[in-house]
Amino acid sequence: MAHLNVAEARSGFSEIVNSAAFGGKRTVISRNGKQVAAVIPIEDLHLLERLVDAEADRQDLEAAREALTEPGENISLKDLKKELGL
């Protein structure tokens, strides 16, 4: 994985994009010694998005299961909407 500062990335931006698009290369970009961005192949981005979506779905499912175990009365979505005036 390549590491460049912002000035280097700016001057070689086309090459960096082509390396990601056609060579599958990842490039980390730093500013003042701190990593701030990355140029990655689009396939990597799609994989990351699927992983994030899967994690969000897992968290939602856990929250729903936990809510079902809480004491108290459960009400239907229809009744909740009516109660909230929606």
Protein backbone atom coordinates (compact mmCIF):
# COMPACT_ATOMS: atom_id res chain seq x y z
CA MET A 1 0.00 0.00 0.00
CA ALA A 2 1.39 3.38 -1.00
CA HIS A 3 1.53 6.33 1.40
CA LEU A 4 1.67 9.86 0.04
CA ASN A 5 1.26 13.33 1.45
CA VAL A 6 -1.38 15.63 0.00
CA ALA A 7 1.07 17.47 -2.27
CA GLU A 8 2.36 14.20 -3.75
CA ALA A 9 -1.18 12.91 -4.19
CA ARG A 10 -2.26 16.12 -5.91
CA SER A 11 0.55 15.98 -8.43
CA GLY A 12 0.00 12.30 -9.21
CA PHE A 13 -3.76 12.09 -8.83
CA SER A 14 -4.47 10.56 -12.26
CA GLU A 15 -1.83 7.89 -11.72
CA ILE A 16 -3.20 7.12 -8.24
CA VAL A 17 -6.74 6.75 -9.58
CA ASN A 18 -5.58 4.54 -12.45
CA SER A 19 -3.56 2.39 -10.04
CA ALA A 20 -6.68 1.86 -7.94
CA ALA A 21 -9.03 1.33 -10.87
CA PHE A 22 -6.88 -0.95 -13.00
CA GLY A 23 -4.25 -2.32 -10.61
CA GLY A 24 -6.25 -2.75 -7.43
CA LYS A 25 -3.73 -0.60 -5.57
CA ARG A 26 -4.66 1.28 -2.38
CA THR A 27 -3.10 4.65 -1.56
CA VAL A 28 -3.24 6.34 1.84
CA ILE A 29 -2.99 10.13 1.82
CA SER A 30 -1.60 12.07 4.76
CA ARG A 31 -1.66 15.71 5.80
CA ASN A 32 0.82 16.96 8.40
CA GLY A 33 1.83 13.37 9.09
CA LYS A 34 -1.73 12.23 9.84
CA GLN A 35 -3.59 9.79 7.59
CA VAL A 36 -6.69 11.60 6.32
CA ALA A 37 -7.97 9.74 3.24
CA ALA A 38 -7.47 6.80 0.93
CA VAL A 39 -7.96 6.06 -2.75
CA ILE A 40 -9.15 2.48 -3.13
CA PRO A 41 -10.57 0.33 -5.90
CA ILE A 42 -14.35 0.68 -6.25
CA GLU A 43 -14.72 -3.03 -5.47
CA ASP A 44 -13.17 -2.39 -2.04
CA LEU A 45 -15.66 0.40 -1.41
CA HIS A 46 -18.60 -1.83 -2.35
CA LEU A 47 -17.31 -4.53 0.01
CA LEU A 48 -16.95 -2.00 2.84
CA GLU A 49 -20.48 -0.74 2.23
CA ARG A 50 -21.87 -4.30 2.37
CA LEU A 51 -19.96 -4.96 5.60
CA VAL A 52 -21.25 -1.75 7.19
CA ASP A 53 -24.82 -2.55 6.09
CA ALA A 54 -24.51 -6.09 7.50
CA GLU A 55 -23.20 -4.74 10.81
CA ALA A 56 -26.05 -2.21 11.02
CA ASP A 57 -28.56 -4.99 10.29
CA ARG A 58 -26.98 -7.15 13.02
CA GLN A 59 -27.18 -4.30 15.53
CA ASP A 60 -30.82 -3.63 14.60
CA LEU A 61 -31.67 -7.30 15.09
CA GLU A 62 -29.94 -7.36 18.48
CA ALA A 63 -31.82 -4.22 19.55
CA ALA A 64 -35.14 -5.73 18.43
CA ARG A 65 -34.47 -8.96 20.32
CA GLU A 66 -33.53 -6.98 23.43
CA ALA A 67 -36.68 -4.85 23.14
CA LEU A 68 -38.84 -7.97 22.96
CA THR A 69 -37.43 -9.18 26.28
CA GLU A 70 -38.17 -5.92 28.11
CA PRO A 71 -41.01 -6.05 30.60
CA GLY A 72 -44.20 -4.24 29.83
CA GLU A 73 -46.92 -4.32 27.24
CA ASN A 74 -46.10 -4.59 23.57
CA ILE A 75 -48.25 -2.63 21.13
CA SER A 76 -48.63 -2.98 17.41
CA LEU A 77 -47.11 -0.52 14.97
CA LYS A 78 -50.63 0.46 13.90
CA ASP A 79 -51.59 1.32 17.48
CA LEU A 80 -48.33 3.20 18.06
CA LYS A 81 -48.90 5.33 14.95
CA LYS A 82 -52.45 6.06 16.11
CA GLU A 83 -51.18 7.01 19.57
CA LEU A 84 -48.57 9.33 18.06
CA GLY A 85 -51.03 10.82 15.59
CA LEU A 86 -49.18 9.60 12.53
